[in-house]
PDB file of N, CA and C in Angstrom:
ATOM      1  N   MET A   1     121.711  67.667 118.733  1.00  0.00           N
ATOM      2  CA  MET A   1     120.308  68.558 118.531  1.00  0.00           C
ATOM      3  C   MET A   1     120.518  69.147 116.761  1.00  0.00           C
ATOM      4  N   ALA A   2     119.031  68.391 116.473  1.00  0.00           N
ATOM      5  CA  ALA A   2     119.218  68.468 115.537  1.00  0.00           C
ATOM      6  C   ALA A   2     118.629  70.396 114.876  1.00  0.00           C
ATOM      7  N   LYS A   3     119.085  71.426 113.398  1.00  0.00           N
ATOM      8  CA  LYS A   3     118.576  72.232 113.203  1.00  0.00           C
ATOM      9  C   LYS A   3     118.048  72.591 112.146  1.00  0.00           C
ATOM     10  N   THR A   4     116.443  73.027 112.343  1.00  0.00           N
ATOM     11  CA  THR A   4     115.588  73.047 111.825  1.00  0.00           C
ATOM     12  C   THR A   4     115.890  74.314 110.655  1.00  0.00           C
ATOM     13  N   GLU A   5     115.423  73.815 109.361  1.00  0.00           N
ATOM     14  CA  GLU A   5     115.680  74.388 107.952  1.00  0.00           C
ATOM     15  C   GLU A   5     114.934  75.704 108.666  1.00  0.00           C
ATOM     16  N   THR A   6     115.279  76.549 107.773  1.00  0.00           N
ATOM     17  CA  THR A   6     114.380  78.130 108.031  1.00  0.00           C
ATOM     18  C   THR A   6     115.002  78.635 106.735  1.00  0.00           C
ATOM     19  N   ARG A   7     113.536  80.072 106.242  1.00  0.00           N
ATOM     20  CA  ARG A   7     113.724  80.574 104.904  1.00  0.00           C
ATOM     21  C   ARG A   7     113.283  82.102 105.934  1.00  0.00           C
ATOM     22  N   VAL A   8     114.025  82.888 105.067  1.00  0.00           N
ATOM     23  CA  VAL A   8     113.991  84.401 105.637  1.00  0.00           C
ATOM     24  C   VAL A   8     112.656  84.928 104.566  1.00  0.00           C
ATOM     25  N   VAL A   9     111.290  85.358 105.305  1.00  0.00           N
ATOM     26  CA  VAL A   9     110.618  86.058 104.750  1.00  0.00           C
ATOM     27  C   VAL A   9     110.588  87.653 105.366  1.00  0.00           C
ATOM     28  N   THR A  10     110.561  88.387 104.209  1.00  0.00           N
ATOM     29  CA  THR A  10     110.501  89.799 104.063  1.00  0.00           C
ATOM     30  C   THR A  10     108.935  90.019 104.362  1.00  0.00           C
ATOM     31  N   ALA A  11     108.635  91.777 105.051  1.00  0.00           N
ATOM     32  CA  ALA A  11     107.463  92.026 105.608  1.00  0.00           C
ATOM     33  C   ALA A  11     107.672  93.449 105.173  1.00  0.00           C
ATOM     34  N   HIS A  12     107.001  94.887 104.910  1.00  0.00           N
ATOM     35  CA  HIS A  12     107.582  96.156 105.008  1.00  0.00           C
ATOM     36  C   HIS A  12     106.203  96.229 105.858  1.00  0.00           C
ATOM     37  N   ILE A  13     106.999  96.529 107.240  1.00  0.00           N
ATOM     38  CA  ILE A  13     105.652  97.210 108.613  1.00  0.00           C
ATOM     39  C   ILE A  13     105.852  98.897 108.807  1.00  0.00           C
ATOM     40  N   PRO A  14     104.633  99.334 109.484  1.00  0.00           N
ATOM     41  CA  PRO A  14     104.600 100.265 109.641  1.00  0.00           C
ATOM     42  C   PRO A  14     105.840 100.692 110.817  1.00  0.00           C
ATOM     43  N   VAL A  15     106.631 101.956 110.346  1.00  0.00           N
ATOM     44  CA  VAL A  15     107.723 102.316 111.013  1.00  0.00           C
ATOM     45  C   VAL A  15     107.417 102.307 113.078  1.00  0.00           C
ATOM     46  N   PRO A  16     106.072 102.577 113.350  1.00  0.00           N
ATOM     47  CA  PRO A  16     105.568 102.561 114.836  1.00  0.00           C
ATOM     48  C   PRO A  16     105.628 101.263 115.004  1.00  0.00           C
ATOM     49  N   LEU A  17     105.004 100.294 114.628  1.00  0.00           N
ATOM     50  CA  LEU A  17     105.212  99.098 114.730  1.00  0.00           C
ATOM     51  C   LEU A  17     106.499  98.222 115.118  1.00  0.00           C
ATOM     52  N   ALA A  18     107.154  98.624 113.755  1.00  0.00           N
ATOM     53  CA  ALA A  18     108.499  98.240 114.166  1.00  0.00           C
ATOM     54  C   ALA A  18     109.173  98.616 115.097  1.00  0.00           C
ATOM     55  N   GLU A  19     109.236  99.628 115.302  1.00  0.00           N
ATOM     56  CA  GLU A  19     109.689 100.684 117.135  1.00  0.00           C
ATOM     57  C   GLU A  19     109.176  99.663 118.155  1.00  0.00           C
ATOM     58  N   LYS A  20     108.061  98.825 118.172  1.00  0.00           N
ATOM     59  CA  LYS A  20     107.771  98.371 119.351  1.00  0.00           C
ATOM     60  C   LYS A  20     108.034  97.192 119.317  1.00  0.00           C
ATOM     61  N   VAL A  21     108.191  96.765 117.577  1.00  0.00           N
ATOM     62  CA  VAL A  21     109.492  94.761 117.938  1.00  0.00           C
ATOM     63  C   VAL A  21     110.401  95.389 118.806  1.00  0.00           C
ATOM     64  N   ASP A  22     111.260  96.572 118.313  1.00  0.00           N
ATOM     65  CA  ASP A  22     112.486  96.457 118.674  1.00  0.00           C
ATOM     66  C   ASP A  22     112.428  97.061 120.501  1.00  0.00           C
ATOM     67  N   GLN A  23     111.652  97.623 120.770  1.00  0.00           N
ATOM     68  CA  GLN A  23     111.474  97.797 122.392  1.00  0.00           C
ATOM     69  C   GLN A  23     110.950  96.306 123.106  1.00  0.00           C
ATOM     70  N   LEU A  24     110.534  95.587 122.515  1.00  0.00           N
ATOM     71  CA  LEU A  24     110.074  94.299 123.147  1.00  0.00           C
ATOM     72  C   LEU A  24     110.962  93.800 123.485  1.00  0.00           C
ATOM     73  N   ALA A  25     111.891  93.171 122.061  1.00  0.00           N
ATOM     74  CA  ALA A  25     113.210  92.953 122.046  1.00  0.00           C
ATOM     75  C   ALA A  25     113.835  93.268 123.278  1.00  0.00           C
ATOM     76  N   ASP A  26     114.366  94.718 123.036  1.00  0.00           N
ATOM     77  CA  ASP A  26     115.072  95.129 123.873  1.00  0.00           C
ATOM     78  C   ASP A  26     114.734  94.523 125.679  1.00  0.00           C
ATOM     79  N   ARG A  27     113.609  94.939 125.508  1.00  0.00           N
ATOM     80  CA  ARG A  27     112.964  94.503 127.367  1.00  0.00           C
ATOM     81  C   ARG A  27     113.122  92.919 127.370  1.00  0.00           C
ATOM     82  N   LEU A  28     112.769  92.115 126.371  1.00  0.00           N
ATOM     83  CA  LEU A  28     112.985  90.920 127.069  1.00  0.00           C
ATOM     84  C   LEU A  28     114.126  90.116 126.651  1.00  0.00           C
ATOM     85  N   GLU A  29     115.061  91.059 126.317  1.00  0.00           N
ATOM     86  CA  GLU A  29     116.801  90.563 125.872  1.00  0.00           C
ATOM     87  C   GLU A  29     116.486  89.250 124.551  1.00  0.00           C
ATOM     88  N   ARG A  30     115.455  89.815 124.248  1.00  0.00           N
ATOM     89  CA  ARG A  30     115.400  88.481 122.546  1.00  0.00           C
ATOM     90  C   ARG A  30     115.781  89.025 121.847  1.00  0.00           C
ATOM     91  N   SER A  31     116.083  88.821 120.203  1.00  0.00           N
ATOM     92  CA  SER A  31     115.676  89.583 119.306  1.00  0.00           C
ATOM     93  C   SER A  31     114.674  89.442 118.010  1.00  0.00           C
ATOM     94  N   ARG A  32     114.909  90.556 117.752  1.00  0.00           N
ATOM     95  CA  ARG A  32     113.365  91.196 116.805  1.00  0.00           C
ATOM     96  C   ARG A  32     113.081  89.285 116.105  1.00  0.00           C
ATOM     97  N   ALA A  33     114.097  88.781 115.510  1.00  0.00           N
ATOM     98  CA  ALA A  33     113.477  87.590 114.896  1.00  0.00           C
ATOM     99  C   ALA A  33     112.585  86.589 115.915  1.00  0.00           C
ATOM    100  N   TRP A  34     113.226  86.565 117.179  1.00  0.00           N
ATOM    101  CA  TRP A  34     112.540  85.966 117.876  1.00  0.00           C
ATOM    102  C   TRP A  34     111.335  86.553 118.250  1.00  0.00           C
ATOM    103  N   ILE A  35     111.223  87.889 118.269  1.00  0.00           N
ATOM    104  CA  ILE A  35     110.184  88.085 118.374  1.00  0.00           C
ATOM    105  C   ILE A  35     108.726  87.789 117.503  1.00  0.00           C
ATOM    106  N   MET A  36     109.290  88.135 116.193  1.00  0.00           N
ATOM    107  CA  MET A  36     108.561  88.136 115.013  1.00  0.00           C
ATOM    108  C   MET A  36     108.256  86.672 115.123  1.00  0.00           C
ATOM    109  N   LYS A  37     108.948  85.745 114.995  1.00  0.00           N
ATOM    110  CA  LYS A  37     108.512  84.490 114.870  1.00  0.00           C
ATOM    111  C   LYS A  37     107.607  83.702 116.354  1.00  0.00           C
ATOM    112  N   GLN A  38     107.168  84.366 117.485  1.00  0.00           N
ATOM    113  CA  GLN A  38     106.578  84.229 118.388  1.00  0.00           C
ATOM    114  C   GLN A  38     104.760  85.455 118.094  1.00  0.00           C
ATOM    115  N   ALA A  39     105.024  86.203 117.520  1.00  0.00           N
ATOM    116  CA  ALA A  39     103.669  86.768 117.304  1.00  0.00           C
ATOM    117  C   ALA A  39     103.363  85.679 115.902  1.00  0.00           C
ATOM    118  N   LEU A  40     104.309  85.864 114.913  1.00  0.00           N
ATOM    119  CA  LEU A  40     103.698  84.743 113.927  1.00  0.00           C
ATOM    120  C   LEU A  40     102.887  83.284 113.742  1.00  0.00           C
ATOM    121  N   SER A  41     103.466  83.117 114.996  1.00  0.00           N
ATOM    122  CA  SER A  41     103.136  81.615 115.309  1.00  0.00           C
ATOM    123  C   SER A  41     102.021  81.695 115.953  1.00  0.00           C
ATOM    124  N   ALA A  42     102.203  82.778 117.117  1.00  0.00           N
ATOM    125  CA  ALA A  42     100.847  83.217 117.643  1.00  0.00           C
ATOM    126  C   ALA A  42      99.528  83.378 116.889  1.00  0.00           C
ATOM    127  N   TRP A  43      99.747  84.187 115.965  1.00  0.00           N
ATOM    128  CA  TRP A  43      98.635  84.787 114.848  1.00  0.00           C
ATOM    129  C   TRP A  43      97.796  83.232 113.958  1.00  0.00           C
ATOM    130  N   ILE A  44      98.736  82.581 113.822  1.00  0.00           N
ATOM    131  CA  ILE A  44      98.733  81.398 112.927  1.00  0.00           C
ATOM    132  C   ILE A  44      97.628  80.527 113.258  1.00  0.00           C
ATOM    133  N   ALA A  45      98.147  80.247 114.752  1.00  0.00           N
ATOM    134  CA  ALA A  45      97.718  79.391 115.762  1.00  0.00           C
ATOM    135  C   ALA A  45      95.927  80.064 116.166  1.00  0.00           C
ATOM    136  N   GLN A  46      96.161  81.015 116.371  1.00  0.00           N
ATOM    137  CA  GLN A  46      94.748  81.811 116.609  1.00  0.00           C
ATOM    138  C   GLN A  46      94.112  81.892 114.797  1.00  0.00           C
ATOM    139  N   GLU A  47      94.235  82.595 113.836  1.00  0.00           N
ATOM    140  CA  GLU A  47      93.868  81.840 112.894  1.00  0.00           C
ATOM    141  C   GLU A  47      92.951  80.674 112.190  1.00  0.00           C
ATOM    142  N   GLU A  48      93.855  79.716 112.744  1.00  0.00           N
ATOM    143  CA  GLU A  48      93.350  77.895 112.529  1.00  0.00           C
ATOM    144  C   GLU A  48      92.436  77.743 113.473  1.00  0.00           C
ATOM    145  N   GLU A  49      92.362  78.134 114.776  1.00  0.00           N
ATOM    146  CA  GLU A  49      91.241  78.031 115.649  1.00  0.00           C
ATOM    147  C   GLU A  49      89.890  78.598 114.981  1.00  0.00           C
ATOM    148  N   ARG A  50      90.490  79.646 114.036  1.00  0.00           N
ATOM    149  CA  ARG A  50      89.415  80.459 113.962  1.00  0.00           C
ATOM    150  C   ARG A  50      88.962  79.869 113.121  1.00  0.00           C
ATOM    151  N   ASP A  51      89.713  79.132 112.158  1.00  0.00           N
ATOM    152  CA  ASP A  51      88.880  78.068 110.725  1.00  0.00           C
ATOM    153  C   ASP A  51      88.105  77.435 111.250  1.00  0.00           C
ATOM    154  N   ARG A  52      88.220  76.334 112.164  1.00  0.00           N
ATOM    155  CA  ARG A  52      88.193  75.049 113.214  1.00  0.00           C
ATOM    156  C   ARG A  52      86.663  75.248 113.710  1.00  0.00           C
ATOM    157  N   LEU A  53      86.687  76.039 114.096  1.00  0.00           N
ATOM    158  CA  LEU A  53      85.374  76.685 114.761  1.00  0.00           C
ATOM    159  C   LEU A  53      84.460  76.872 113.812  1.00  0.00           C
ATOM    160  N   THR A  54      84.742  77.639 112.824  1.00  0.00           N
ATOM    161  CA  THR A  54      83.842  78.060 111.684  1.00  0.00           C
ATOM    162  C   THR A  54      83.380  76.681 110.895  1.00  0.00           C
ATOM    163  N   HIS A  55      84.084  75.625 110.900  1.00  0.00           N
ATOM    164  CA  HIS A  55      84.075  74.907 110.280  1.00  0.00           C
ATOM    165  C   HIS A  55      83.245  73.690 110.894  1.00  0.00           C
ATOM    166  N   GLU A  56      83.451  73.741 112.318  1.00  0.00           N
ATOM    167  CA  GLU A  56      82.680  72.978 113.677  1.00  0.00           C
ATOM    168  C   GLU A  56      81.226  73.944 112.966  1.00  0.00           C
ATOM    169  N   ALA A  57      81.050  74.920 113.277  1.00  0.00           N
ATOM    170  CA  ALA A  57      79.552  75.784 113.563  1.00  0.00           C
ATOM    171  C   ALA A  57      78.810  75.287 111.897  1.00  0.00           C
ATOM    172  N   LEU A  58      79.508  75.585 110.882  1.00  0.00           N
ATOM    173  CA  LEU A  58      78.868  75.057 109.480  1.00  0.00           C
ATOM    174  C   LEU A  58      78.318  73.856 109.377  1.00  0.00           C
ATOM    175  N   ALA A  59      79.074  73.033 110.234  1.00  0.00           N
ATOM    176  CA  ALA A  59      78.981  70.999 110.197  1.00  0.00           C
ATOM    177  C   ALA A  59      77.112  71.132 111.437  1.00  0.00           C
ATOM    178  N   ASP A  60      77.003  72.325 112.197  1.00  0.00           N
ATOM    179  CA  ASP A  60      76.183  72.117 113.325  1.00  0.00           C
ATOM    180  C   ASP A  60      75.021  72.529 112.402  1.00  0.00           C
ATOM    181  N   VAL A  61      74.994  73.862 111.879  1.00  0.00           N
ATOM    182  CA  VAL A  61      74.138  74.271 110.916  1.00  0.00           C
ATOM    183  C   VAL A  61      73.451  73.127 109.680  1.00  0.00           C
ATOM    184  N   ASP A  62      74.539  72.102 109.357  1.00  0.00           N
ATOM    185  CA  ASP A  62      73.699  71.562 108.370  1.00  0.00           C
ATOM    186  C   ASP A  62      73.376  70.063 109.207  1.00  0.00           C
ATOM    187  N   ALA A  63      73.635  69.808 109.899  1.00  0.00           N
ATOM    188  CA  ALA A  63      73.023  68.834 110.662  1.00  0.00           C
ATOM    189  C   ALA A  63      71.569  69.763 111.421  1.00  0.00           C
ATOM    190  N   GLY A  64      71.826  70.920 111.520  1.00  0.00           N
ATOM    191  CA  GLY A  64      70.209  71.370 112.184  1.00  0.00           C
ATOM    192  C   GLY A  64      70.441  72.122 113.674  1.00  0.00           C
ATOM    193  N   ARG A  65      71.437  71.844 114.237  1.00  0.00           N
ATOM    194  CA  ARG A  65      71.666  72.410 115.856  1.00  0.00           C
ATOM    195  C   ARG A  65      71.796  73.749 115.443  1.00  0.00           C
ATOM    196  N   VAL A  66      70.590  74.923 115.015  1.00  0.00           N
ATOM    197  CA  VAL A  66      70.511  75.618 115.758  1.00  0.00           C
ATOM    198  C   VAL A  66      69.094  76.508 116.333  1.00  0.00           C
ATOM    199  N   SER A  67      69.908  77.715 116.849  1.00  0.00           N
ATOM    200  CA  SER A  67      68.647  77.995 117.813  1.00  0.00           C
ATOM    201  C   SER A  67      68.250  79.248 116.482  1.00  0.00           C
ATOM    202  N   ASN A  68      66.311  79.106 116.911  1.00  0.00           N
ATOM    203  CA  ASN A  68      65.816  80.569 116.378  1.00  0.00           C
ATOM    204  C   ASN A  68      66.047  81.485 116.822  1.00  0.00           C
ATOM    205  N   HIS A  69      65.948  82.703 116.004  1.00  0.00           N
ATOM    206  CA  HIS A  69      66.318  84.064 115.925  1.00  0.00           C
ATOM    207  C   HIS A  69      65.275  84.726 117.075  1.00  0.00           C
ATOM    208  N   ASP A  70      63.806  84.413 117.511  1.00  0.00           N
ATOM    209  CA  ASP A  70      63.368  84.840 118.466  1.00  0.00           C
ATOM    210  C   ASP A  70      63.830  84.241 120.132  1.00  0.00           C
ATOM    211  N   SER A  71      64.272  83.146 119.957  1.00  0.00           N
ATOM    212  CA  SER A  71      64.717  82.732 121.057  1.00  0.00           C
ATOM    213  C   SER A  71      66.158  83.380 121.804  1.00  0.00           C
ATOM    214  N   VAL A  72      66.861  83.236 120.666  1.00  0.00           N
ATOM    215  CA  VAL A  72      67.991  84.099 121.028  1.00  0.00           C
ATOM    216  C   VAL A  72      68.095  85.610 121.345  1.00  0.00           C
ATOM    217  N   GLN A  73      67.173  86.385 120.633  1.00  0.00           N
ATOM    218  CA  GLN A  73      66.867  87.652 120.842  1.00  0.00           C
ATOM    219  C   GLN A  73      66.115  87.366 122.348  1.00  0.00           C
ATOM    220  N   ALA A  74      65.080  86.744 122.587  1.00  0.00           N
ATOM    221  CA  ALA A  74      64.377  86.486 124.087  1.00  0.00           C
ATOM    222  C   ALA A  74      65.441  86.555 125.151  1.00  0.00           C
ATOM    223  N   TRP A  75      66.576  85.392 124.810  1.00  0.00           N
ATOM    224  CA  TRP A  75      67.371  85.788 125.609  1.00  0.00           C
ATOM    225  C   TRP A  75      68.478  86.830 126.000  1.00  0.00           C
ATOM    226  N   ALA A  76      68.538  87.234 124.522  1.00  0.00           N
ATOM    227  CA  ALA A  76      69.838  88.654 124.758  1.00  0.00           C
ATOM    228  C   ALA A  76      68.447  89.632 125.925  1.00  0.00           C
ATOM    229  N   ASP A  77      68.044  90.009 125.585  1.00  0.00           N
ATOM    230  CA  ASP A  77      67.216  90.942 125.526  1.00  0.00           C
ATOM    231  C   ASP A  77      66.918  90.749 127.417  1.00  0.00           C
ATOM    232  N   SER A  78      67.108  89.549 127.895  1.00  0.00           N
ATOM    233  CA  SER A  78      66.913  89.280 129.276  1.00  0.00           C
ATOM    234  C   SER A  78      68.179  89.475 130.091  1.00  0.00           C
ATOM    235  N   LEU A  79      69.281  89.516 129.103  1.00  0.00           N
ATOM    236  CA  LEU A  79      70.535  89.687 130.264  1.00  0.00           C
ATOM    237  C   LEU A  79      70.707  90.909 130.850  1.00  0.00           C
ATOM    238  N   SER A  80      69.744  91.982 130.592  1.00  0.00           N
ATOM    239  CA  SER A  80      69.681  93.204 131.393  1.00  0.00           C
ATOM    240  C   SER A  80      68.780  93.440 132.360  1.00  0.00           C
ATOM    241  N   THR A  81      68.115  92.184 132.435  1.00  0.00           N
ATOM    242  CA  THR A  81      66.879  91.963 133.332  1.00  0.00           C
ATOM    243  C   THR A  81      67.696  91.282 134.980  1.00  0.00           C
ATOM    244  N   ASP A  82      66.876  91.480 135.819  1.00  0.00           N
ATOM    245  CA  ASP A  82      67.155  90.608 137.157  1.00  0.00           C
ATOM    246  C   ASP A  82      66.924  89.176 137.279  1.00  0.00           C
ATOM    247  N   GLU A  83      66.503  87.945 136.040  1.00  0.00           N
ATOM    248  CA  GLU A  83      66.562  87.382 136.021  1.00  0.00           C
ATOM    249  C   GLU A  83      66.203  87.113 134.063  1.00  0.00           C
ATOM    250  N   PRO A  84      67.457  86.436 133.807  1.00  0.00           N
ATOM    251  CA  PRO A  84      68.056  86.768 132.482  1.00  0.00           C
ATOM    252  C   PRO A  84      67.508  84.980 132.542  1.00  0.00           C
ATOM    253  N   LEU A  85      66.955  84.525 131.454  1.00  0.00           N
ATOM    254  CA  LEU A  85      67.043  83.282 130.495  1.00  0.00           C
ATOM    255  C   LEU A  85      68.083  82.628 130.529  1.00  0.00           C
ATOM    256  N   PRO A  86      67.616  81.223 130.758  1.00  0.00           N
ATOM    257  CA  PRO A  86      68.656  80.390 130.668  1.00  0.00           C
ATOM    258  C   PRO A  86      69.258  80.459 128.769  1.00  0.00           C
ATOM    259  N   LEU A  87      70.503  80.211 128.623  1.00  0.00           N
ATOM    260  CA  LEU A  87      71.164  80.299 127.104  1.00  0.00           C
ATOM    261  C   LEU A  87      70.492  79.207 126.638  1.00  0.00           C
ATOM    262  N   PRO A  88      69.563  80.034 124.976  1.00  0.00           N
ATOM    263  CA  PRO A  88      68.807  78.745 124.153  1.00  0.00           C
ATOM    264  C   PRO A  88      69.809  77.524 123.732  1.00  0.00           C
ATOM    265  N   ARG A  89      69.177  76.582 123.331  1.00  0.00           N
ATOM    266  CA  ARG A  89      69.842  75.326 123.212  1.00  0.00           C
ATOM    267  C   ARG A  89      68.781  74.692 121.750  1.00  0.00           C
TER     268      ARG A  89
END
């Protein structure tokens, strides 16, 4: 099995957060490094998805695929009624 190249990254984090990492590591019987890699990987994936969705939304705006404010407001107001309107398109 090929060994992956690594690099140490240091960050100062609040003590209560560090203690939570330690608690998770103990409970999961994993190292702190494993917990930190999992957390950082999940956060990066979330941010990459947020960036992708933002670019997708901006492309929709550029292409004119938008709903006007009045139709969105009417839809939102209808959500608390017995007969909500369909989602504006």
